[in-house]
Amino acid sequence: MLVDADDALYLPTLIDYVHLNPVRAGLVRVEEGVETFALSSLSACYVLPPSKRKPWVQAERGLRTRGFQDQAAGRRRYLEHLERRAKLEGKEAGRGMPGEQSLQSTLQRGWFFGSQVFKEKLLQLAEQALKASTKRSNQRPGDEVKEHSEQRAKALIEAGMAVCKLTPALLEALPFGNERKVLVALAVKRETTVPLTWIAEQLRMSTRSTVSRETTTLMKTLSKDRKKTKLYAAILSKAV
């Protein structure tokens, strides 16, 4: 899972969540110390001096996210911080989540843990890689691929409506196979992996078969129609 390390909320929240897992699972008693669970980076690294740690665990960085120095006093303060949370939150210890994102559902089904700005940055950086990965793989696309594809599809529809002078009212009024609708549908179909049923719903083209039939027909003649070719190129350019 990709974690937003630039925002001061997300990484320390996730580190606490991991270290308080044994408390939530009832594997340790707070009175005996949250660090008594042996199979944890808390007991194996965070409460130990650097010379006794696993070299691949960045405990110093983890402590710093909570404002604690990697010294005996700082390590003790972090342990006290976890114990306070365990006593106050009980079986929910560590599940507190900044903002509106659900920590539990994010860790179970999500692909990133961070702010909306972080999410948009990831989608932008991953645009080409996700598209190439989806085309190469026979596997079902993950949530991140689906989300990116739908975001791209919406941008293409918005651009297409502007270029082709369409409005929501016109989408409702025009025939299912209207050439302007079909031109926008073709751009979405060729540039994204969203289902044809999604395209049909967004552009008011009745069914997926309508989208498939009309876009296939258009593809055969597009290169010979200079006006439509220019409009199609303008849609792609505007959606970037």
C-alpha atoms as a PDB file:
ATOM      1  CA  MET A   1       0.000   0.000   0.000  1.00  0.00           C
ATOM      2  CA  LEU A   2       1.261   3.472  -0.905  1.00  0.00           C
ATOM      3  CA  VAL A   3       1.421   5.764   2.131  1.00  0.00           C
ATOM      4  CA  ASP A   4       1.444   9.562   2.170  1.00  0.00           C
ATOM      5  CA  ALA A   5       4.638  10.346   4.077  1.00  0.00           C
ATOM      6  CA  ASP A   6       4.535  14.078   3.340  1.00  0.00           C
ATOM      7  CA  ASP A   7       1.368  14.640   5.360  1.00  0.00           C
ATOM      8  CA  ALA A   8       2.080  14.550   9.099  1.00  0.00           C
ATOM      9  CA  LEU A   9      -1.065  12.511   9.843  1.00  0.00           C
ATOM     10  CA  TYR A  10      -0.971   9.342   7.794  1.00  0.00           C
ATOM     11  CA  LEU A  11       2.351   7.585   8.396  1.00  0.00           C
ATOM     12  CA  PRO A  12       2.301   7.879  12.227  1.00  0.00           C
ATOM     13  CA  THR A  13      -1.353   6.794  12.216  1.00  0.00           C
ATOM     14  CA  LEU A  14      -0.434   3.671  10.275  1.00  0.00           C
ATOM     15  CA  ILE A  15       2.580   2.893  12.480  1.00  0.00           C
ATOM     16  CA  ASP A  16       0.446   3.153  15.626  1.00  0.00           C
ATOM     17  CA  TYR A  17      -2.202   0.954  13.999  1.00  0.00           C
ATOM     18  CA  VAL A  18       0.374  -1.786  13.368  1.00  0.00           C
ATOM     19  CA  HIS A  19       1.884  -1.595  16.839  1.00  0.00           C
ATOM     20  CA  LEU A  20      -1.528  -1.722  18.505  1.00  0.00           C
ATOM     21  CA  ASN A  21      -2.695  -4.758  16.516  1.00  0.00           C
ATOM     22  CA  PRO A  22      -1.892  -7.168  19.414  1.00  0.00           C
ATOM     23  CA  VAL A  23      -3.992  -5.013  21.768  1.00  0.00           C
ATOM     24  CA  ARG A  24      -7.028  -5.104  19.473  1.00  0.00           C
ATOM     25  CA  ALA A  25      -6.579  -8.845  18.972  1.00  0.00           C
ATOM     26  CA  GLY A  26      -6.405  -9.473  22.732  1.00  0.00           C
ATOM     27  CA  LEU A  27      -2.909 -10.967  22.470  1.00  0.00           C
ATOM     28  CA  VAL A  28      -1.410  -8.692  25.108  1.00  0.00           C
ATOM     29  CA  ARG A  29      -2.646  -7.005  28.252  1.00  0.00           C
ATOM     30  CA  VAL A  30      -1.958  -3.302  28.525  1.00  0.00           C
ATOM     31  CA  GLU A  31      -1.040  -3.729  32.173  1.00  0.00           C
ATOM     32  CA  GLU A  32       1.791  -6.038  31.150  1.00  0.00           C
ATOM     33  CA  GLY A  33       3.021  -3.707  28.399  1.00  0.00           C
ATOM     34  CA  VAL A  34       2.106  -3.397  24.745  1.00  0.00           C
ATOM     35  CA  GLU A  35       5.717  -4.239  23.856  1.00  0.00           C
ATOM     36  CA  THR A  36       5.434  -7.745  25.320  1.00  0.00           C
ATOM     37  CA  PHE A  37       4.155  -9.145  22.034  1.00  0.00           C
ATOM     38  CA  ALA A  38       7.368 -10.604  20.589  1.00  0.00           C
ATOM     39  CA  LEU A  39       6.416 -10.706  16.888  1.00  0.00           C
ATOM     40  CA  SER A  40       6.291  -6.960  16.412  1.00  0.00           C
ATOM     41  CA  SER A  41       8.617  -4.211  15.227  1.00  0.00           C
ATOM     42  CA  LEU A  42       7.744  -2.444  18.483  1.00  0.00           C
ATOM     43  CA  SER A  43       9.442  -5.060  20.652  1.00  0.00           C
ATOM     44  CA  ALA A  44      12.087  -6.050  18.085  1.00  0.00           C
ATOM     45  CA  CYS A  45      13.169  -2.528  17.112  1.00  0.00           C
ATOM     46  CA  TYR A  46      11.341   0.535  18.408  1.00  0.00           C
ATOM     47  CA  VAL A  47      12.061   0.032  22.098  1.00  0.00           C
ATOM     48  CA  LEU A  48      15.657  -1.094  21.498  1.00  0.00           C
ATOM     49  CA  PRO A  49      18.785   0.995  20.890  1.00  0.00           C
ATOM     50  CA  PRO A  50      19.987   1.151  17.235  1.00  0.00           C
ATOM     51  CA  SER A  51      22.788  -1.379  17.816  1.00  0.00           C
ATOM     52  CA  LYS A  52      20.265  -4.118  18.674  1.00  0.00           C
ATOM     53  CA  ARG A  53      17.773  -3.533  15.859  1.00  0.00           C
ATOM     54  CA  LYS A  54      17.163  -5.158  12.528  1.00  0.00           C
ATOM     55  CA  PRO A  55      19.023  -2.940  10.034  1.00  0.00           C
ATOM     56  CA  TRP A  56      16.099  -2.805   7.588  1.00  0.00           C
ATOM     57  CA  VAL A  57      13.549  -1.312  10.020  1.00  0.00           C
ATOM     58  CA  GLN A  58      13.520   2.496   9.995  1.00  0.00           C
ATOM     59  CA  ALA A  59      12.571   2.867  13.644  1.00  0.00           C
ATOM     60  CA  GLU A  60      14.299   6.229  13.922  1.00  0.00           C
ATOM     61  CA  ARG A  61      12.103   7.604  11.151  1.00  0.00           C
ATOM     62  CA  GLY A  62       9.009   6.090  12.723  1.00  0.00           C
ATOM     63  CA  LEU A  63       9.766   7.699  16.081  1.00  0.00           C
ATOM     64  CA  ARG A  64      10.380  11.017  14.370  1.00  0.00           C
ATOM     65  CA  THR A  65       6.894  11.005  12.814  1.00  0.00           C
ATOM     66  CA  ARG A  66       5.535  11.307  16.369  1.00  0.00           C
ATOM     67  CA  GLY A  67       8.088  13.937  17.355  1.00  0.00           C
ATOM     68  CA  PHE A  68      10.219  11.574  19.487  1.00  0.00           C
ATOM     69  CA  GLN A  69      13.994  11.381  19.277  1.00  0.00           C
ATOM     70  CA  ASP A  70      15.745   8.046  18.857  1.00  0.00           C
ATOM     71  CA  GLN A  71      17.133   8.090  22.368  1.00  0.00           C
ATOM     72  CA  ALA A  72      16.173   6.197  25.516  1.00  0.00           C
ATOM     73  CA  ALA A  73      13.840   8.997  26.637  1.00  0.00           C
ATOM     74  CA  GLY A  74      12.228   9.318  23.200  1.00  0.00           C
ATOM     75  CA  ARG A  75      11.669   5.570  22.882  1.00  0.00           C
ATOM     76  CA  ARG A  76      10.116   5.498  26.349  1.00  0.00           C
ATOM     77  CA  ARG A  77       7.816   8.392  25.451  1.00  0.00           C
ATOM     78  CA  TYR A  78       6.626   6.572  22.325  1.00  0.00           C
ATOM     79  CA  LEU A  79       5.839   3.473  24.358  1.00  0.00           C
ATOM     80  CA  GLU A  80       3.923   5.614  26.855  1.00  0.00           C
ATOM     81  CA  HIS A  81       2.042   7.191  23.945  1.00  0.00           C
ATOM     82  CA  LEU A  82       0.915   3.730  22.747  1.00  0.00           C
ATOM     83  CA  GLU A  83      -0.068   2.663  26.238  1.00  0.00           C
ATOM     84  CA  ARG A  84      -2.207   5.790  26.663  1.00  0.00           C
ATOM     85  CA  ARG A  85      -3.992   5.038  23.409  1.00  0.00           C
ATOM     86  CA  ALA A  86      -4.494   1.404  24.410  1.00  0.00           C
ATOM     87  CA  LYS A  87      -6.044   2.403  27.770  1.00  0.00           C
ATOM     88  CA  LEU A  88      -8.246   5.127  26.321  1.00  0.00           C
ATOM     89  CA  GLU A  89      -9.397   3.329  23.167  1.00  0.00           C
ATOM     90  CA  GLY A  90      -9.525  -0.291  24.361  1.00  0.00           C
ATOM     91  CA  LYS A  91     -10.471  -2.723  21.592  1.00  0.00           C
ATOM     92  CA  GLU A  92     -10.542   0.160  19.109  1.00  0.00           C
ATOM     93  CA  ALA A  93      -6.957   1.169  19.889  1.00  0.00           C
ATOM     94  CA  GLY A  94      -5.177   2.496  16.832  1.00  0.00           C
ATOM     95  CA  ARG A  95      -8.228   2.721  14.600  1.00  0.00           C
ATOM     96  CA  GLY A  96      -8.531   6.492  14.871  1.00  0.00           C
ATOM     97  CA  MET A  97      -8.336   7.973  11.409  1.00  0.00           C
ATOM     98  CA  PRO A  98      -7.491  11.500  10.200  1.00  0.00           C
ATOM     99  CA  GLY A  99      -9.954  13.124   7.842  1.00  0.00           C
ATOM    100  CA  GLU A 100     -12.795  11.202   6.195  1.00  0.00           C
ATOM    101  CA  GLN A 101     -10.931   8.121   4.980  1.00  0.00           C
ATOM    102  CA  SER A 102     -11.850   4.909   6.800  1.00  0.00           C
ATOM    103  CA  LEU A 103      -8.684   3.306   8.130  1.00  0.00           C
ATOM    104  CA  GLN A 104     -10.096  -0.196   8.506  1.00  0.00           C
ATOM    105  CA  SER A 105     -11.684  -0.359   5.042  1.00  0.00           C
ATOM    106  CA  THR A 106      -8.673   1.329   3.452  1.00  0.00           C
ATOM    107  CA  LEU A 107      -6.262  -1.255   4.837  1.00  0.00           C
ATOM    108  CA  GLN A 108      -8.545  -4.117   3.814  1.00  0.00           C
ATOM    109  CA  ARG A 109      -9.538  -2.995   0.322  1.00  0.00           C
ATOM    110  CA  GLY A 110      -7.654   0.192  -0.525  1.00  0.00           C
ATOM    111  CA  TRP A 111      -4.530   0.817  -2.574  1.00  0.00           C
ATOM    112  CA  PHE A 112      -3.315   4.058  -0.976  1.00  0.00           C
ATOM    113  CA  PHE A 113      -3.392   5.707   2.443  1.00  0.00           C
ATOM    114  CA  GLY A 114      -3.235   9.476   2.318  1.00  0.00           C
ATOM    115  CA  SER A 115      -4.876  12.754   1.405  1.00  0.00           C
ATOM    116  CA  GLN A 116      -6.864  13.574  -1.717  1.00  0.00           C
ATOM    117  CA  VAL A 117      -3.894  15.587  -2.988  1.00  0.00           C
ATOM    118  CA  PHE A 118      -1.692  12.502  -2.557  1.00  0.00           C
ATOM    119  CA  LYS A 119      -4.213  10.351  -4.412  1.00  0.00           C
ATOM    120  CA  GLU A 120      -4.377  12.736  -7.361  1.00  0.00           C
ATOM    121  CA  LYS A 121      -0.576  12.880  -7.486  1.00  0.00           C
ATOM    122  CA  LEU A 122      -0.355   9.082  -7.610  1.00  0.00           C
ATOM    123  CA  LEU A 123      -2.962   8.827 -10.355  1.00  0.00           C
ATOM    124  CA  GLN A 124      -1.136  11.407 -12.421  1.00  0.00           C
ATOM    125  CA  LEU A 125       2.243   9.711 -11.980  1.00  0.00           C
ATOM    126  CA  ALA A 126       0.800   6.274 -12.716  1.00  0.00           C
ATOM    127  CA  GLU A 127      -1.216   7.193 -15.814  1.00  0.00           C
ATOM    128  CA  GLN A 128       0.980   5.575 -18.448  1.00  0.00           C
ATOM    129  CA  ALA A 129       2.120   2.658 -16.298  1.00  0.00           C
ATOM    130  CA  LEU A 130      -1.413   1.665 -15.326  1.00  0.00           C
ATOM    131  CA  LYS A 131      -2.621   1.839 -18.909  1.00  0.00           C
ATOM    132  CA  ALA A 132       0.260  -0.320 -20.154  1.00  0.00           C
ATOM    133  CA  SER A 133      -0.152  -2.795 -17.296  1.00  0.00           C
ATOM    134  CA  THR A 134      -3.859  -3.236 -18.019  1.00  0.00           C
ATOM    135  CA  LYS A 135      -3.237  -3.917 -21.705  1.00  0.00           C
ATOM    136  CA  ARG A 136      -0.482  -6.476 -21.013  1.00  0.00           C
ATOM    137  CA  SER A 137      -2.258  -8.391 -18.286  1.00  0.00           C
ATOM    138  CA  ASN A 138      -5.103 -10.874 -18.577  1.00  0.00           C
ATOM    139  CA  GLN A 139      -5.881 -10.400 -14.907  1.00  0.00           C
ATOM    140  CA  ARG A 140      -8.794  -8.410 -13.601  1.00  0.00           C
ATOM    141  CA  PRO A 141      -7.752  -4.761 -13.081  1.00  0.00           C
ATOM    142  CA  GLY A 142      -7.243  -3.651  -9.492  1.00  0.00           C
ATOM    143  CA  ASP A 143      -9.132  -0.821  -7.820  1.00  0.00           C
ATOM    144  CA  GLU A 144      -6.400   1.664  -8.648  1.00  0.00           C
ATOM    145  CA  VAL A 145      -6.613   0.828 -12.364  1.00  0.00           C
ATOM    146  CA  LYS A 146     -10.406   1.078 -12.356  1.00  0.00           C
ATOM    147  CA  GLU A 147     -10.371   4.363 -10.491  1.00  0.00           C
ATOM    148  CA  HIS A 148      -7.754   5.867 -12.765  1.00  0.00           C
ATOM    149  CA  SER A 149      -9.601   4.683 -15.879  1.00  0.00           C
ATOM    150  CA  GLU A 150     -12.901   6.194 -14.744  1.00  0.00           C
ATOM    151  CA  GLN A 151     -11.219   9.478 -13.866  1.00  0.00           C
ATOM    152  CA  ARG A 152      -9.674   9.599 -17.342  1.00  0.00           C
ATOM    153  CA  ALA A 153     -13.033   8.698 -18.921  1.00  0.00           C
ATOM    154  CA  LYS A 154     -14.790  11.555 -17.131  1.00  0.00           C
ATOM    155  CA  ALA A 155     -12.115  13.986 -18.318  1.00  0.00           C
ATOM    156  CA  LEU A 156     -12.600  12.806 -21.901  1.00  0.00           C
ATOM    157  CA  ILE A 157     -16.366  13.191 -21.691  1.00  0.00           C
ATOM    158  CA  GLU A 158     -16.027  16.691 -20.284  1.00  0.00           C
ATOM    159  CA  ALA A 159     -13.585  17.613 -23.054  1.00  0.00           C
ATOM    160  CA  GLY A 160     -15.743  15.947 -25.689  1.00  0.00           C
ATOM    161  CA  MET A 161     -18.865  17.806 -24.640  1.00  0.00           C
ATOM    162  CA  ALA A 162     -16.986  21.106 -24.835  1.00  0.00           C
ATOM    163  CA  VAL A 163     -15.414  20.364 -28.224  1.00  0.00           C
ATOM    164  CA  CYS A 164     -18.624  18.945 -29.741  1.00  0.00           C
ATOM    165  CA  LYS A 165     -20.827  21.617 -28.144  1.00  0.00           C
ATOM    166  CA  LEU A 166     -22.917  19.139 -26.193  1.00  0.00           C
ATOM    167  CA  THR A 167     -24.868  19.805 -23.006  1.00  0.00           C
ATOM    168  CA  PRO A 168     -26.620  17.450 -20.573  1.00  0.00           C
ATOM    169  CA  ALA A 169     -29.937  18.488 -22.104  1.00  0.00           C
ATOM    170  CA  LEU A 170     -28.676  17.696 -25.605  1.00  0.00           C
ATOM    171  CA  LEU A 171     -27.413  14.293 -24.492  1.00  0.00           C
ATOM    172  CA  GLU A 172     -30.954  13.489 -23.406  1.00  0.00           C
ATOM    173  CA  ALA A 173     -32.575  14.902 -26.555  1.00  0.00           C
ATOM    174  CA  LEU A 174     -30.271  13.641 -29.303  1.00  0.00           C
ATOM    175  CA  PRO A 175     -30.645  10.149 -30.830  1.00  0.00           C
ATOM    176  CA  PHE A 176     -28.624   7.324 -29.293  1.00  0.00           C
ATOM    177  CA  GLY A 177     -26.370   7.134 -32.353  1.00  0.00           C
ATOM    178  CA  ASN A 178     -25.812  10.850 -32.815  1.00  0.00           C
ATOM    179  CA  GLU A 179     -22.391  11.330 -34.444  1.00  0.00           C
ATOM    180  CA  ARG A 180     -21.199  13.793 -31.783  1.00  0.00           C
ATOM    181  CA  LYS A 181     -22.059  11.364 -29.003  1.00  0.00           C
ATOM    182  CA  VAL A 182     -20.361   8.551 -30.903  1.00  0.00           C
ATOM    183  CA  LEU A 183     -17.201  10.604 -31.400  1.00  0.00           C
ATOM    184  CA  VAL A 184     -16.919  11.200 -27.649  1.00  0.00           C
ATOM    185  CA  ALA A 185     -17.762   7.548 -26.948  1.00  0.00           C
ATOM    186  CA  LEU A 186     -14.981   6.432 -29.291  1.00  0.00           C
ATOM    187  CA  ALA A 187     -12.420   8.561 -27.465  1.00  0.00           C
ATOM    188  CA  VAL A 188     -13.456   7.066 -24.121  1.00  0.00           C
ATOM    189  CA  LYS A 189     -13.521   3.528 -25.510  1.00  0.00           C
ATOM    190  CA  ARG A 190     -10.062   3.768 -27.060  1.00  0.00           C
ATOM    191  CA  GLU A 191      -8.345   5.688 -24.272  1.00  0.00           C
ATOM    192  CA  THR A 192      -9.721   3.937 -21.164  1.00  0.00           C
ATOM    193  CA  THR A 193     -10.853   0.563 -19.877  1.00  0.00           C
ATOM    194  CA  VAL A 194     -14.274   1.600 -18.533  1.00  0.00           C
ATOM    195  CA  PRO A 195     -17.141  -0.770 -19.479  1.00  0.00           C
ATOM    196  CA  LEU A 196     -19.261   0.047 -22.514  1.00  0.00           C
ATOM    197  CA  THR A 197     -22.326   0.091 -20.256  1.00  0.00           C
ATOM    198  CA  TRP A 198     -20.706   2.966 -18.332  1.00  0.00           C
ATOM    199  CA  ILE A 199     -20.127   4.896 -21.556  1.00  0.00           C
ATOM    200  CA  ALA A 200     -23.711   4.258 -22.693  1.00  0.00           C
ATOM    201  CA  GLU A 201     -25.086   5.555 -19.411  1.00  0.00           C
ATOM    202  CA  GLN A 202     -22.903   8.673 -19.323  1.00  0.00           C
ATOM    203  CA  LEU A 203     -23.611   9.676 -22.946  1.00  0.00           C
ATOM    204  CA  ARG A 204     -27.246   8.531 -23.015  1.00  0.00           C
ATOM    205  CA  MET A 205     -26.626   5.959 -25.757  1.00  0.00           C
ATOM    206  CA  SER A 206     -29.093   3.346 -24.484  1.00  0.00           C
ATOM    207  CA  THR A 207     -27.071   0.106 -24.291  1.00  0.00           C
ATOM    208  CA  ARG A 208     -23.526  -1.206 -24.563  1.00  0.00           C
ATOM    209  CA  SER A 209     -24.384  -2.741 -27.937  1.00  0.00           C
ATOM    210  CA  THR A 210     -25.226   0.718 -29.268  1.00  0.00           C
ATOM    211  CA  VAL A 211     -21.840   2.007 -28.151  1.00  0.00           C
ATOM    212  CA  SER A 212     -20.058  -0.993 -29.630  1.00  0.00           C
ATOM    213  CA  ARG A 213     -21.882  -0.852 -32.972  1.00  0.00           C
ATOM    214  CA  GLU A 214     -21.674   2.905 -33.505  1.00  0.00           C
ATOM    215  CA  THR A 215     -18.037   3.311 -32.445  1.00  0.00           C
ATOM    216  CA  THR A 216     -16.970   0.363 -34.620  1.00  0.00           C
ATOM    217  CA  THR A 217     -18.650   1.985 -37.617  1.00  0.00           C
ATOM    218  CA  LEU A 218     -17.040   5.335 -36.874  1.00  0.00           C
ATOM    219  CA  MET A 219     -13.541   3.829 -36.547  1.00  0.00           C
ATOM    220  CA  LYS A 220     -13.791   2.507 -40.115  1.00  0.00           C
ATOM    221  CA  THR A 221     -14.394   5.977 -41.556  1.00  0.00           C
ATOM    222  CA  LEU A 222     -12.727   8.338 -39.089  1.00  0.00           C
ATOM    223  CA  SER A 223      -9.397   8.654 -40.893  1.00  0.00           C
ATOM    224  CA  LYS A 224     -11.200   9.660 -44.120  1.00  0.00           C
ATOM    225  CA  ASP A 225     -13.241  12.437 -42.479  1.00  0.00           C
ATOM    226  CA  ARG A 226     -10.992  15.437 -41.843  1.00  0.00           C
ATOM    227  CA  LYS A 227     -13.552  17.332 -39.752  1.00  0.00           C
ATOM    228  CA  LYS A 228     -14.203  14.413 -37.395  1.00  0.00           C
ATOM    229  CA  THR A 229     -10.501  13.630 -37.198  1.00  0.00           C
ATOM    230  CA  LYS A 230      -9.775  17.186 -36.052  1.00  0.00           C
ATOM    231  CA  LEU A 231     -12.585  17.048 -33.497  1.00  0.00           C
ATOM    232  CA  TYR A 232     -11.319  13.722 -32.173  1.00  0.00           C
ATOM    233  CA  ALA A 233      -7.780  15.085 -31.833  1.00  0.00           C
ATOM    234  CA  ALA A 234      -9.153  18.173 -30.078  1.00  0.00           C
ATOM    235  CA  ILE A 235     -10.961  15.986 -27.528  1.00  0.00           C
ATOM    236  CA  LEU A 236      -7.778  14.102 -26.671  1.00  0.00           C
ATOM    237  CA  SER A 237      -5.772  17.313 -26.489  1.00  0.00           C
ATOM    238  CA  LYS A 238      -8.295  19.064 -24.249  1.00  0.00           C
ATOM    239  CA  ALA A 239      -8.577  16.105 -21.878  1.00  0.00           C
ATOM    240  CA  VAL A 240      -4.841  16.044 -21.072  1.00  0.00           C
END
